[in-house]
C-alpha atoms as a PDB file:
ATOM      1  CA  MET A   1     -21.477  13.024  -4.228  1.00  0.00           C
ATOM      2  CA  THR A   2     -24.383  10.761  -5.099  1.00  0.00           C
ATOM      3  CA  PRO A   3     -24.215   6.943  -5.356  1.00  0.00           C
ATOM      4  CA  LEU A   4     -24.607   7.348  -9.121  1.00  0.00           C
ATOM      5  CA  ASP A   5     -21.522   9.582  -9.222  1.00  0.00           C
ATOM      6  CA  LEU A   6     -19.549   6.994  -7.260  1.00  0.00           C
ATOM      7  CA  LEU A   7     -20.697   4.249  -9.604  1.00  0.00           C
ATOM      8  CA  ALA A   8     -19.618   6.345 -12.595  1.00  0.00           C
ATOM      9  CA  ALA A   9     -16.193   6.954 -11.013  1.00  0.00           C
ATOM     10  CA  MET A  10     -15.790   3.249 -10.311  1.00  0.00           C
ATOM     11  CA  ILE A  11     -16.793   2.176 -13.830  1.00  0.00           C
ATOM     12  CA  ALA A  12     -14.609   4.826 -15.487  1.00  0.00           C
ATOM     13  CA  ALA A  13     -11.532   3.924 -13.431  1.00  0.00           C
ATOM     14  CA  PHE A  14     -12.065   0.196 -13.973  1.00  0.00           C
ATOM     15  CA  ALA A  15     -12.597   0.592 -17.722  1.00  0.00           C
ATOM     16  CA  VAL A  16      -9.593   2.852 -18.342  1.00  0.00           C
ATOM     17  CA  ALA A  17      -7.293   0.741 -16.151  1.00  0.00           C
ATOM     18  CA  GLY A  18      -8.524  -2.435 -17.820  1.00  0.00           C
ATOM     19  CA  ALA A  19      -7.956  -1.028 -21.305  1.00  0.00           C
ATOM     20  CA  THR A  20      -4.484   0.209 -20.346  1.00  0.00           C
ATOM     21  CA  THR A  21      -3.634  -3.170 -18.836  1.00  0.00           C
ATOM     22  CA  TRP A  22      -4.698  -4.860 -22.066  1.00  0.00           C
ATOM     23  CA  ALA A  23      -2.524  -2.445 -24.053  1.00  0.00           C
ATOM     24  CA  LEU A  24       0.481  -3.092 -21.791  1.00  0.00           C
ATOM     25  CA  MET A  25       0.025  -6.843 -22.136  1.00  0.00           C
ATOM     26  CA  ARG A  26       0.092  -6.448 -25.916  1.00  0.00           C
ATOM     27  CA  VAL A  27       3.596  -4.938 -25.723  1.00  0.00           C
ATOM     28  CA  ARG A  28       4.816  -6.769 -22.617  1.00  0.00           C
ATOM     29  CA  GLY A  29       7.917  -8.046 -24.405  1.00  0.00           C
ATOM     30  CA  ARG A  30       9.199  -4.469 -24.663  1.00  0.00           C
ATOM     31  CA  LEU A  31       8.485  -3.506 -21.057  1.00  0.00           C
ATOM     32  CA  PRO A  32      10.976  -3.563 -18.156  1.00  0.00           C
ATOM     33  CA  HIS A  33      11.017  -7.028 -16.585  1.00  0.00           C
ATOM     34  CA  ALA A  34      11.759  -8.283 -13.083  1.00  0.00           C
ATOM     35  CA  ALA A  35      14.403 -10.975 -13.535  1.00  0.00           C
ATOM     36  CA  PRO A  36      14.286 -13.922 -11.108  1.00  0.00           C
ATOM     37  CA  ASN A  37      17.068 -14.149  -8.540  1.00  0.00           C
ATOM     38  CA  SER A  38      17.870 -15.941  -5.289  1.00  0.00           C
ATOM     39  CA  ARG A  39      15.606 -13.577  -3.310  1.00  0.00           C
ATOM     40  CA  SER A  40      12.572 -13.466  -5.602  1.00  0.00           C
ATOM     41  CA  LEU A  41       9.543 -15.753  -5.531  1.00  0.00           C
ATOM     42  CA  HIS A  42       9.126 -16.155  -9.286  1.00  0.00           C
ATOM     43  CA  GLY A  43      11.016 -18.366 -11.712  1.00  0.00           C
ATOM     44  CA  SER A  44      10.833 -16.411 -14.976  1.00  0.00           C
ATOM     45  CA  PRO A  45      11.017 -12.730 -16.040  1.00  0.00           C
ATOM     46  CA  VAL A  46       7.760 -10.818 -15.512  1.00  0.00           C
ATOM     47  CA  PRO A  47       6.860  -7.283 -16.748  1.00  0.00           C
ATOM     48  CA  ARG A  48       6.826  -4.893 -13.808  1.00  0.00           C
ATOM     49  CA  VAL A  49       5.162  -1.618 -14.764  1.00  0.00           C
ATOM     50  CA  GLY A  50       1.521  -2.642 -14.366  1.00  0.00           C
ATOM     51  CA  GLY A  51       1.061   0.260 -11.983  1.00  0.00           C
ATOM     52  CA  LEU A  52       0.901   2.552 -15.018  1.00  0.00           C
ATOM     53  CA  ALA A  53      -2.531   1.092 -15.800  1.00  0.00           C
ATOM     54  CA  LEU A  54      -3.666   1.720 -12.247  1.00  0.00           C
ATOM     55  CA  TRP A  55      -2.778   5.412 -12.391  1.00  0.00           C
ATOM     56  CA  ALA A  56      -4.223   5.818 -15.877  1.00  0.00           C
ATOM     57  CA  GLY A  57      -7.531   4.614 -14.455  1.00  0.00           C
ATOM     58  CA  CYS A  58      -7.750   6.584 -11.228  1.00  0.00           C
ATOM     59  CA  MET A  59      -5.979   9.896 -11.923  1.00  0.00           C
ATOM     60  CA  PRO A  60      -8.723  11.371 -14.165  1.00  0.00           C
ATOM     61  CA  VAL A  61     -11.245  10.780 -11.379  1.00  0.00           C
ATOM     62  CA  ALA A  62      -8.873  12.296  -8.815  1.00  0.00           C
ATOM     63  CA  LEU A  63      -8.503  15.410 -10.968  1.00  0.00           C
ATOM     64  CA  VAL A  64     -12.257  15.861 -11.399  1.00  0.00           C
ATOM     65  CA  ALA A  65     -13.447  14.894  -7.902  1.00  0.00           C
ATOM     66  CA  PRO A  66     -10.680  15.125  -5.269  1.00  0.00           C
ATOM     67  CA  PRO A  67     -11.260  13.744  -1.760  1.00  0.00           C
ATOM     68  CA  GLY A  68     -12.255  16.171   0.960  1.00  0.00           C
ATOM     69  CA  LEU A  69      -8.916  16.085   2.754  1.00  0.00           C
ATOM     70  CA  PRO A  70      -6.780  18.905   4.187  1.00  0.00           C
ATOM     71  CA  GLY A  71      -3.979  20.377   2.107  1.00  0.00           C
ATOM     72  CA  ASN A  72      -4.045  21.817  -1.390  1.00  0.00           C
ATOM     73  CA  TRP A  73      -5.000  19.008  -3.783  1.00  0.00           C
ATOM     74  CA  VAL A  74      -2.458  20.304  -6.324  1.00  0.00           C
ATOM     75  CA  ILE A  75       0.295  19.635  -3.771  1.00  0.00           C
ATOM     76  CA  TRP A  76      -1.039  16.102  -3.307  1.00  0.00           C
ATOM     77  CA  LEU A  77      -0.926  15.494  -7.054  1.00  0.00           C
ATOM     78  CA  ILE A  78       2.573  16.968  -7.452  1.00  0.00           C
ATOM     79  CA  CYS A  79       3.888  14.787  -4.618  1.00  0.00           C
ATOM     80  CA  VAL A  80       2.329  11.620  -6.028  1.00  0.00           C
ATOM     81  CA  LEU A  81       3.641  12.491  -9.497  1.00  0.00           C
ATOM     82  CA  GLY A  82       7.135  12.977  -8.083  1.00  0.00           C
ATOM     83  CA  VAL A  83       7.026   9.645  -6.268  1.00  0.00           C
ATOM     84  CA  GLY A  84       5.716   8.018  -9.435  1.00  0.00           C
ATOM     85  CA  ILE A  85       8.511   9.415 -11.621  1.00  0.00           C
ATOM     86  CA  ILE A  86      11.332   8.224  -9.352  1.00  0.00           C
ATOM     87  CA  SER A  87       9.590   4.853  -8.976  1.00  0.00           C
ATOM     88  CA  LEU A  88       9.209   4.396 -12.731  1.00  0.00           C
ATOM     89  CA  GLN A  89      12.870   5.215 -13.187  1.00  0.00           C
ATOM     90  CA  ASP A  90      13.672   2.595 -10.546  1.00  0.00           C
ATOM     91  CA  ASP A  91      11.625   0.047 -12.497  1.00  0.00           C
ATOM     92  CA  ARG A  92      13.384   0.923 -15.753  1.00  0.00           C
ATOM     93  CA  ARG A  93      17.036   1.374 -14.830  1.00  0.00           C
ATOM     94  CA  GLY A  94      17.376   1.399 -11.068  1.00  0.00           C
ATOM     95  CA  VAL A  95      17.902   4.297  -8.672  1.00  0.00           C
ATOM     96  CA  SER A  96      20.362   4.487  -5.790  1.00  0.00           C
ATOM     97  CA  PRO A  97      18.742   3.950  -2.363  1.00  0.00           C
ATOM     98  CA  ALA A  98      20.087   7.320  -1.166  1.00  0.00           C
ATOM     99  CA  LEU A  99      18.516   9.273  -4.032  1.00  0.00           C
ATOM    100  CA  ARG A 100      15.240   7.386  -3.727  1.00  0.00           C
ATOM    101  CA  LEU A 101      15.056   8.043   0.015  1.00  0.00           C
ATOM    102  CA  ALA A 102      15.937  11.728  -0.428  1.00  0.00           C
ATOM    103  CA  VAL A 103      13.110  12.185  -2.949  1.00  0.00           C
ATOM    104  CA  HIS A 104      10.650  10.368  -0.679  1.00  0.00           C
ATOM    105  CA  ILE A 105      11.618  12.530   2.306  1.00  0.00           C
ATOM    106  CA  GLY A 106      11.401  15.754   0.309  1.00  0.00           C
ATOM    107  CA  LEU A 107       7.964  14.992  -1.107  1.00  0.00           C
ATOM    108  CA  ALA A 108       6.672  13.671   2.214  1.00  0.00           C
ATOM    109  CA  THR A 109       7.844  16.899   3.880  1.00  0.00           C
ATOM    110  CA  ALA A 110       5.904  18.998   1.369  1.00  0.00           C
ATOM    111  CA  LEU A 111       2.756  16.917   1.797  1.00  0.00           C
ATOM    112  CA  VAL A 112       2.817  16.788   5.602  1.00  0.00           C
ATOM    113  CA  ALA A 113       3.505  20.529   5.787  1.00  0.00           C
ATOM    114  CA  ALA A 114       0.457  21.155   3.587  1.00  0.00           C
ATOM    115  CA  ILE A 115      -1.720  18.898   5.757  1.00  0.00           C
ATOM    116  CA  LEU A 116      -0.561  20.478   9.017  1.00  0.00           C
ATOM    117  CA  SER A 117      -0.908  24.033   7.697  1.00  0.00           C
ATOM    118  CA  ALA A 118      -4.554  23.304   6.945  1.00  0.00           C
ATOM    119  CA  THR A 119      -5.364  21.568  10.238  1.00  0.00           C
ATOM    120  CA  LEU A 120      -3.161  22.776  13.099  1.00  0.00           C
ATOM    121  CA  HIS A 121      -3.792  25.939  15.093  1.00  0.00           C
ATOM    122  CA  PRO A 122      -1.130  28.577  14.307  1.00  0.00           C
ATOM    123  CA  ALA A 123       0.079  28.459  17.916  1.00  0.00           C
ATOM    124  CA  ALA A 124       0.370  24.656  17.990  1.00  0.00           C
ATOM    125  CA  ASP A 125       3.692  22.827  17.914  1.00  0.00           C
ATOM    126  CA  PHE A 126       4.556  22.137  14.273  1.00  0.00           C
ATOM    127  CA  LEU A 127       7.918  20.366  14.341  1.00  0.00           C
ATOM    128  CA  LEU A 128       7.020  17.139  16.153  1.00  0.00           C
ATOM    129  CA  PRO A 129       3.895  16.390  14.059  1.00  0.00           C
ATOM    130  CA  LEU A 130       5.899  17.259  10.939  1.00  0.00           C
ATOM    131  CA  LEU A 131       8.700  14.819  11.760  1.00  0.00           C
ATOM    132  CA  CYS A 132       6.285  12.061  12.772  1.00  0.00           C
ATOM    133  CA  GLY A 133       4.221  12.591   9.641  1.00  0.00           C
ATOM    134  CA  ILE A 134       7.283  12.450   7.390  1.00  0.00           C
ATOM    135  CA  ALA A 135       8.396   9.197   9.018  1.00  0.00           C
ATOM    136  CA  ILE A 136       4.928   7.666   8.624  1.00  0.00           C
ATOM    137  CA  ILE A 137       4.602   8.530   4.928  1.00  0.00           C
ATOM    138  CA  VAL A 138       8.164   7.554   3.978  1.00  0.00           C
ATOM    139  CA  TRP A 139       7.816   4.249   5.807  1.00  0.00           C
ATOM    140  CA  GLY A 140       4.375   3.688   4.297  1.00  0.00           C
ATOM    141  CA  ALA A 141       5.694   4.159   0.758  1.00  0.00           C
ATOM    142  CA  ASN A 142       8.598   1.803   1.305  1.00  0.00           C
ATOM    143  CA  LEU A 143       6.821  -0.905   3.270  1.00  0.00           C
ATOM    144  CA  TYR A 144       4.201  -1.174   0.540  1.00  0.00           C
ATOM    145  CA  ASN A 145       7.012  -1.794  -1.923  1.00  0.00           C
ATOM    146  CA  PHE A 146       8.629  -4.359   0.381  1.00  0.00           C
ATOM    147  CA  MET A 147       5.347  -6.264   0.587  1.00  0.00           C
ATOM    148  CA  ASP A 148       4.916  -6.347  -3.192  1.00  0.00           C
ATOM    149  CA  GLY A 149       6.908  -9.548  -3.584  1.00  0.00           C
ATOM    150  CA  SER A 150       4.253 -12.214  -4.003  1.00  0.00           C
ATOM    151  CA  ASP A 151       1.574 -12.411  -6.687  1.00  0.00           C
ATOM    152  CA  GLY A 152      -1.532 -10.369  -5.958  1.00  0.00           C
ATOM    153  CA  LEU A 153      -0.485  -9.289  -2.459  1.00  0.00           C
ATOM    154  CA  ALA A 154      -0.103  -5.505  -2.864  1.00  0.00           C
ATOM    155  CA  ALA A 155      -2.937  -5.293  -5.390  1.00  0.00           C
ATOM    156  CA  LEU A 156      -5.387  -7.046  -3.075  1.00  0.00           C
ATOM    157  CA  MET A 157      -4.301  -4.921  -0.107  1.00  0.00           C
ATOM    158  CA  THR A 158      -5.040  -1.863  -2.228  1.00  0.00           C
ATOM    159  CA  VAL A 159      -8.512  -3.052  -3.227  1.00  0.00           C
ATOM    160  CA  VAL A 160      -9.399  -3.919   0.374  1.00  0.00           C
ATOM    161  CA  GLY A 161      -7.689  -0.948   2.027  1.00  0.00           C
ATOM    162  CA  PHE A 162      -8.951   1.804  -0.259  1.00  0.00           C
ATOM    163  CA  THR A 163     -12.442   0.304  -0.225  1.00  0.00           C
ATOM    164  CA  ALA A 164     -12.312   0.672   3.560  1.00  0.00           C
ATOM    165  CA  TYR A 165     -11.256   4.310   3.110  1.00  0.00           C
ATOM    166  CA  ALA A 166     -14.191   4.828   0.721  1.00  0.00           C
ATOM    167  CA  ILE A 167     -16.670   3.374   3.222  1.00  0.00           C
ATOM    168  CA  ALA A 168     -15.188   5.552   5.969  1.00  0.00           C
ATOM    169  CA  ALA A 169     -15.599   8.622   3.757  1.00  0.00           C
ATOM    170  CA  GLY A 170     -19.232   7.653   3.229  1.00  0.00           C
ATOM    171  CA  ILE A 171     -19.718   7.329   6.982  1.00  0.00           C
ATOM    172  CA  ASN A 172     -18.232  10.805   7.470  1.00  0.00           C
ATOM    173  CA  GLY A 173     -20.117  12.374   4.559  1.00  0.00           C
ATOM    174  CA  THR A 174     -16.991  13.299   2.561  1.00  0.00           C
ATOM    175  CA  SER A 175     -16.031  12.496  -1.030  1.00  0.00           C
ATOM    176  CA  ALA A 176     -15.129   8.848  -1.618  1.00  0.00           C
ATOM    177  CA  SER A 177     -14.556   9.064  -5.376  1.00  0.00           C
ATOM    178  CA  THR A 178     -10.748   8.946  -5.334  1.00  0.00           C
ATOM    179  CA  TYR A 179     -10.678   5.967  -2.966  1.00  0.00           C
ATOM    180  CA  VAL A 180     -13.260   4.155  -5.098  1.00  0.00           C
ATOM    181  CA  ALA A 181     -11.302   4.943  -8.264  1.00  0.00           C
ATOM    182  CA  ILE A 182      -8.035   3.598  -6.837  1.00  0.00           C
ATOM    183  CA  ALA A 183      -9.727   0.403  -5.643  1.00  0.00           C
ATOM    184  CA  ALA A 184     -11.552  -0.099  -8.967  1.00  0.00           C
ATOM    185  CA  ALA A 185      -8.476   0.600 -11.097  1.00  0.00           C
ATOM    186  CA  THR A 186      -6.441  -1.864  -9.037  1.00  0.00           C
ATOM    187  CA  LEU A 187      -9.192  -4.452  -9.352  1.00  0.00           C
ATOM    188  CA  ALA A 188      -8.935  -4.132 -13.142  1.00  0.00           C
ATOM    189  CA  LEU A 189      -5.200  -4.778 -12.897  1.00  0.00           C
ATOM    190  CA  LEU A 190      -5.642  -7.723 -10.538  1.00  0.00           C
ATOM    191  CA  TRP A 191      -6.583 -10.092 -13.357  1.00  0.00           C
ATOM    192  CA  VAL A 192      -2.982 -10.030 -14.627  1.00  0.00           C
ATOM    193  CA  ASN A 193      -1.445  -9.825 -11.148  1.00  0.00           C
ATOM    194  CA  TRP A 194      -3.367 -12.783  -9.697  1.00  0.00           C
ATOM    195  CA  PRO A 195      -1.263 -15.935  -9.250  1.00  0.00           C
ATOM    196  CA  PRO A 196       0.408 -16.878 -11.471  1.00  0.00           C
ATOM    197  CA  ALA A 197       1.101 -13.206 -12.212  1.00  0.00           C
ATOM    198  CA  LYS A 198       1.531 -12.174 -15.835  1.00  0.00           C
ATOM    199  CA  MET A 199       2.484  -8.626 -14.790  1.00  0.00           C
ATOM    200  CA  PHE A 200       3.699  -6.994 -11.578  1.00  0.00           C
ATOM    201  CA  ILE A 201       2.466  -3.602 -10.412  1.00  0.00           C
ATOM    202  CA  GLY A 202       6.126  -2.634  -9.903  1.00  0.00           C
ATOM    203  CA  ASP A 203       7.578   0.290  -7.991  1.00  0.00           C
ATOM    204  CA  ILE A 204       5.444   2.628 -10.117  1.00  0.00           C
ATOM    205  CA  GLY A 205       2.409   0.982  -8.542  1.00  0.00           C
ATOM    206  CA  ALA A 206       3.471  -0.014  -5.034  1.00  0.00           C
ATOM    207  CA  VAL A 207       5.436   3.042  -3.884  1.00  0.00           C
ATOM    208  CA  PRO A 208       2.847   5.738  -4.773  1.00  0.00           C
ATOM    209  CA  LEU A 209       0.115   3.487  -3.350  1.00  0.00           C
ATOM    210  CA  GLY A 210       1.959   3.277  -0.043  1.00  0.00           C
ATOM    211  CA  PHE A 211       2.587   7.025  -0.150  1.00  0.00           C
ATOM    212  CA  LEU A 212      -1.141   7.667  -0.618  1.00  0.00           C
ATOM    213  CA  ALA A 213      -2.317   5.020   1.848  1.00  0.00           C
ATOM    214  CA  SER A 214      -0.249   6.605   4.626  1.00  0.00           C
ATOM    215  CA  GLY A 215      -0.884  10.169   3.414  1.00  0.00           C
ATOM    216  CA  PHE A 216      -4.654   9.687   3.287  1.00  0.00           C
ATOM    217  CA  GLY A 217      -4.554   7.991   6.674  1.00  0.00           C
ATOM    218  CA  LEU A 218      -2.563  10.836   8.225  1.00  0.00           C
ATOM    219  CA  ALA A 219      -4.747  13.537   6.662  1.00  0.00           C
ATOM    220  CA  GLY A 220      -7.861  11.784   7.930  1.00  0.00           C
ATOM    221  CA  VAL A 221      -6.474  11.715  11.457  1.00  0.00           C
ATOM    222  CA  PHE A 222      -5.524  15.414  11.492  1.00  0.00           C
ATOM    223  CA  SER A 223      -8.841  16.466   9.949  1.00  0.00           C
ATOM    224  CA  GLY A 224     -10.861  14.374  12.400  1.00  0.00           C
ATOM    225  CA  ALA A 225     -12.288  12.090   9.688  1.00  0.00           C
ATOM    226  CA  TRP A 226     -11.156   9.012  11.618  1.00  0.00           C
ATOM    227  CA  PRO A 227      -9.092   8.106  14.693  1.00  0.00           C
ATOM    228  CA  ALA A 228      -5.447   7.060  14.379  1.00  0.00           C
ATOM    229  CA  TRP A 229      -6.324   3.408  14.903  1.00  0.00           C
ATOM    230  CA  PHE A 230      -8.462   3.280  11.754  1.00  0.00           C
ATOM    231  CA  PRO A 231      -5.753   3.357   9.035  1.00  0.00           C
ATOM    232  CA  LEU A 232      -3.483   1.313  11.297  1.00  0.00           C
ATOM    233  CA  ILE A 233      -5.996  -1.526  11.552  1.00  0.00           C
ATOM    234  CA  VAL A 234      -6.940  -1.365   7.865  1.00  0.00           C
ATOM    235  CA  PHE A 235      -3.354  -1.767   6.647  1.00  0.00           C
ATOM    236  CA  TRP A 236      -2.090  -3.772   9.624  1.00  0.00           C
ATOM    237  CA  PRO A 237      -1.127  -6.919   7.654  1.00  0.00           C
ATOM    238  CA  PHE A 238       1.396  -4.879   5.663  1.00  0.00           C
ATOM    239  CA  VAL A 239       2.503  -2.640   8.540  1.00  0.00           C
ATOM    240  CA  ALA A 240       3.059  -5.591  10.881  1.00  0.00           C
ATOM    241  CA  ASP A 241       4.972  -7.823   8.464  1.00  0.00           C
ATOM    242  CA  ALA A 242       7.232  -5.071   7.136  1.00  0.00           C
ATOM    243  CA  THR A 243       7.887  -3.399  10.506  1.00  0.00           C
ATOM    244  CA  VAL A 244       8.608  -6.573  12.474  1.00  0.00           C
ATOM    245  CA  THR A 245      10.887  -7.791   9.677  1.00  0.00           C
ATOM    246  CA  LEU A 246      12.764  -4.474   9.632  1.00  0.00           C
ATOM    247  CA  LEU A 247      13.247  -4.502  13.409  1.00  0.00           C
ATOM    248  CA  ARG A 248      14.519  -8.082  13.334  1.00  0.00           C
ATOM    249  CA  ARG A 249      17.002  -7.213  10.609  1.00  0.00           C
ATOM    250  CA  LEU A 250      18.201  -4.181  12.570  1.00  0.00           C
ATOM    251  CA  LEU A 251      18.731  -6.334  15.657  1.00  0.00           C
ATOM    252  CA  ARG A 252      20.754  -8.806  13.580  1.00  0.00           C
ATOM    253  CA  GLY A 253      22.930  -5.970  12.282  1.00  0.00           C
ATOM    254  CA  GLU A 254      21.918  -6.489   8.645  1.00  0.00           C
ATOM    255  CA  THR A 255      22.122  -3.815   5.952  1.00  0.00           C
ATOM    256  CA  VAL A 256      18.424  -2.996   5.891  1.00  0.00           C
ATOM    257  CA  TRP A 257      18.350  -1.223   2.519  1.00  0.00           C
ATOM    258  CA  GLU A 258      19.576  -4.332   0.695  1.00  0.00           C
ATOM    259  CA  ALA A 259      17.094  -6.810  -0.805  1.00  0.00           C
ATOM    260  CA  HIS A 260      16.306  -9.919   1.244  1.00  0.00           C
ATOM    261  CA  ASN A 261      13.815 -12.769   1.518  1.00  0.00           C
ATOM    262  CA  THR A 262      12.995 -12.839   5.229  1.00  0.00           C
ATOM    263  CA  HIS A 263       9.520 -11.280   5.250  1.00  0.00           C
ATOM    264  CA  TYR A 264       6.914 -13.523   6.813  1.00  0.00           C
ATOM    265  CA  TYR A 265       4.970 -13.752   3.580  1.00  0.00           C
ATOM    266  CA  GLN A 266       8.179 -14.835   1.808  1.00  0.00           C
ATOM    267  CA  ARG A 267       8.841 -17.539   4.368  1.00  0.00           C
ATOM    268  CA  LEU A 268       5.255 -18.741   4.128  1.00  0.00           C
ATOM    269  CA  HIS A 269       5.662 -19.022   0.362  1.00  0.00           C
ATOM    270  CA  ARG A 270       9.008 -20.844   0.603  1.00  0.00           C
ATOM    271  CA  MET A 271       7.619 -23.361   3.082  1.00  0.00           C
ATOM    272  CA  GLY A 272       5.263 -24.625   0.397  1.00  0.00           C
ATOM    273  CA  ALA A 273       2.238 -22.318   0.521  1.00  0.00           C
ATOM    274  CA  GLY A 274       3.167 -20.847  -2.856  1.00  0.00           C
ATOM    275  CA  HIS A 275       1.639 -17.680  -4.259  1.00  0.00           C
ATOM    276  CA  ARG A 276      -1.974 -18.829  -3.922  1.00  0.00           C
ATOM    277  CA  GLY A 277      -1.611 -20.155  -0.385  1.00  0.00           C
ATOM    278  CA  THR A 278       0.234 -17.054   0.783  1.00  0.00           C
ATOM    279  CA  LEU A 279      -2.355 -14.795  -0.818  1.00  0.00           C
ATOM    280  CA  SER A 280      -5.180 -16.774   0.817  1.00  0.00           C
ATOM    281  CA  VAL A 281      -3.701 -16.342   4.305  1.00  0.00           C
ATOM    282  CA  TYR A 282      -3.024 -12.640   3.862  1.00  0.00           C
ATOM    283  CA  ALA A 283      -6.369 -12.047   2.128  1.00  0.00           C
ATOM    284  CA  ALA A 284      -8.196 -13.421   5.169  1.00  0.00           C
ATOM    285  CA  TRP A 285      -6.066 -11.172   7.383  1.00  0.00           C
ATOM    286  CA  MET A 286      -6.657  -8.092   5.203  1.00  0.00           C
ATOM    287  CA  ILE A 287     -10.415  -8.580   5.028  1.00  0.00           C
ATOM    288  CA  GLY A 288     -10.593  -9.263   8.750  1.00  0.00           C
ATOM    289  CA  THR A 289      -8.725  -6.103   9.735  1.00  0.00           C
ATOM    290  CA  ALA A 290     -10.587  -3.910   7.228  1.00  0.00           C
ATOM    291  CA  VAL A 291     -14.020  -5.130   8.326  1.00  0.00           C
ATOM    292  CA  THR A 292     -13.046  -4.665  11.979  1.00  0.00           C
ATOM    293  CA  ALA A 293     -11.868  -1.099  11.342  1.00  0.00           C
ATOM    294  CA  VAL A 294     -15.010  -0.120   9.431  1.00  0.00           C
ATOM    295  CA  VAL A 295     -17.374  -1.682  11.999  1.00  0.00           C
ATOM    296  CA  CYS A 296     -15.575   0.042  14.876  1.00  0.00           C
ATOM    297  CA  LEU A 297     -15.627   3.366  13.024  1.00  0.00           C
ATOM    298  CA  ALA A 298     -19.343   3.088  12.328  1.00  0.00           C
ATOM    299  CA  TYR A 299     -20.616   1.618  15.580  1.00  0.00           C
ATOM    300  CA  ALA A 300     -17.986   1.392  18.325  1.00  0.00           C
ATOM    301  CA  ARG A 301     -15.242   3.994  18.089  1.00  0.00           C
ATOM    302  CA  GLY A 302     -14.448   3.543  21.746  1.00  0.00           C
ATOM    303  CA  LEU A 303     -13.322  -0.020  21.042  1.00  0.00           C
ATOM    304  CA  GLY A 304     -10.899   0.923  18.263  1.00  0.00           C
ATOM    305  CA  TRP A 305      -7.662   0.613  20.209  1.00  0.00           C
ATOM    306  CA  LEU A 306      -8.870  -2.606  21.837  1.00  0.00           C
ATOM    307  CA  ALA A 307      -9.563  -4.012  18.363  1.00  0.00           C
ATOM    308  CA  PHE A 308      -6.101  -2.913  17.264  1.00  0.00           C
ATOM    309  CA  ALA A 309      -4.552  -4.698  20.255  1.00  0.00           C
ATOM    310  CA  ALA A 310      -6.504  -7.842  19.374  1.00  0.00           C
ATOM    311  CA  TRP A 311      -5.167  -7.792  15.813  1.00  0.00           C
ATOM    312  CA  CYS A 312      -1.648  -7.226  17.153  1.00  0.00           C
ATOM    313  CA  CYS A 313      -2.023 -10.411  19.182  1.00  0.00           C
ATOM    314  CA  ALA A 314      -3.430 -12.292  16.192  1.00  0.00           C
ATOM    315  CA  GLY A 315      -0.535 -11.120  14.026  1.00  0.00           C
ATOM    316  CA  ALA A 316       1.982 -12.130  16.690  1.00  0.00           C
ATOM    317  CA  LEU A 317       0.491 -15.636  16.823  1.00  0.00           C
ATOM    318  CA  LEU A 318       0.669 -15.925  13.029  1.00  0.00           C
ATOM    319  CA  PHE A 319       4.293 -14.791  12.983  1.00  0.00           C
ATOM    320  CA  LEU A 320       5.230 -17.177  15.811  1.00  0.00           C
ATOM    321  CA  ALA A 321       3.614 -20.044  13.913  1.00  0.00           C
ATOM    322  CA  ILE A 322       5.509 -19.136  10.731  1.00  0.00           C
ATOM    323  CA  ASP A 323       8.786 -18.853  12.681  1.00  0.00           C
ATOM    324  CA  TYR A 324       8.195 -22.255  14.287  1.00  0.00           C
ATOM    325  CA  HIS A 325       7.475 -23.996  10.995  1.00  0.00           C
ATOM    326  CA  TRP A 326      10.310 -22.133   9.264  1.00  0.00           C
ATOM    327  CA  ARG A 327      12.842 -23.540  11.738  1.00  0.00           C
ATOM    328  CA  HIS A 328      11.545 -27.062  11.098  1.00  0.00           C
ATOM    329  CA  HIS A 329      11.547 -26.413   7.347  1.00  0.00           C
ATOM    330  CA  LYS A 330      15.202 -25.369   7.421  1.00  0.00           C
ATOM    331  CA  THR A 331      16.129 -28.383   9.567  1.00  0.00           C
ATOM    332  CA  LYS A 332      14.513 -30.772   7.076  1.00  0.00           C
ATOM    333  CA  ALA A 333      16.201 -29.008   4.167  1.00  0.00           C
ATOM    334  CA  GLN A 334      19.589 -29.614   5.770  1.00  0.00           C
END
């Protein structure tokens, strides 16, 4: 694919997503809204199906010029469509956690099986990679949704993360059009999702994005397009916050499938950083990890795991600082 083709894909995705966003804003009073509650970070109802504009922008490009990844592209599209349908229903009327998880597991199983069938030797062990892959994709879809609680956060992670995937595809000489289209379509949506958000991307945006971010990452690893550390570093701000928060809740014996407000980004917001301050901190983290991953992939693959360890340490320091200030914040509030 030539640079001109990539530019055309980017412009087309941006234009269609932008036009769809404009159309959604025109009828926003009739769209499903996220009502404020004790756990949310917004004070008034906000439309929450902005992700529809994202998919309207990038899906035509994905149909015409799919990425060069293992697994039948039709299976990829069916799985994403299935995740999108259950997510849209969740935005509109709500879906039980058990049903939602069952659908995610079923679709992740189909996708991972397709990836492994195209990459593993017939004599290779299939079960362990299958189970690990399912866990990675299901967790990726859900953690992305968990992190979509502050204005602009998930949208910016998508722009940065999928741009990194596009650059990596360029380095490897494979098609980058789908990654570029997703990043461009999300960028078009960002103007209404930027603080103060006029529209949320919703489950219809966040869950399929997480499904694809982890699915693309996994497929790239099994096909040899990039090492395992690459997608980990790129999306580390989301993976770290969501995973550490989940583990802490498990250790406290909490019901982990119930909504809460104990993510680090939520605490940062509640301590006074607000949407803009929180986004600024996480934006710096996102850009830092993405640039590190791309530079290591291009010039120093042998340093990838060392770079990952460094970002683990940086994330730990950030979380410790937030915990420290959170304790003082609660003491003052009392």
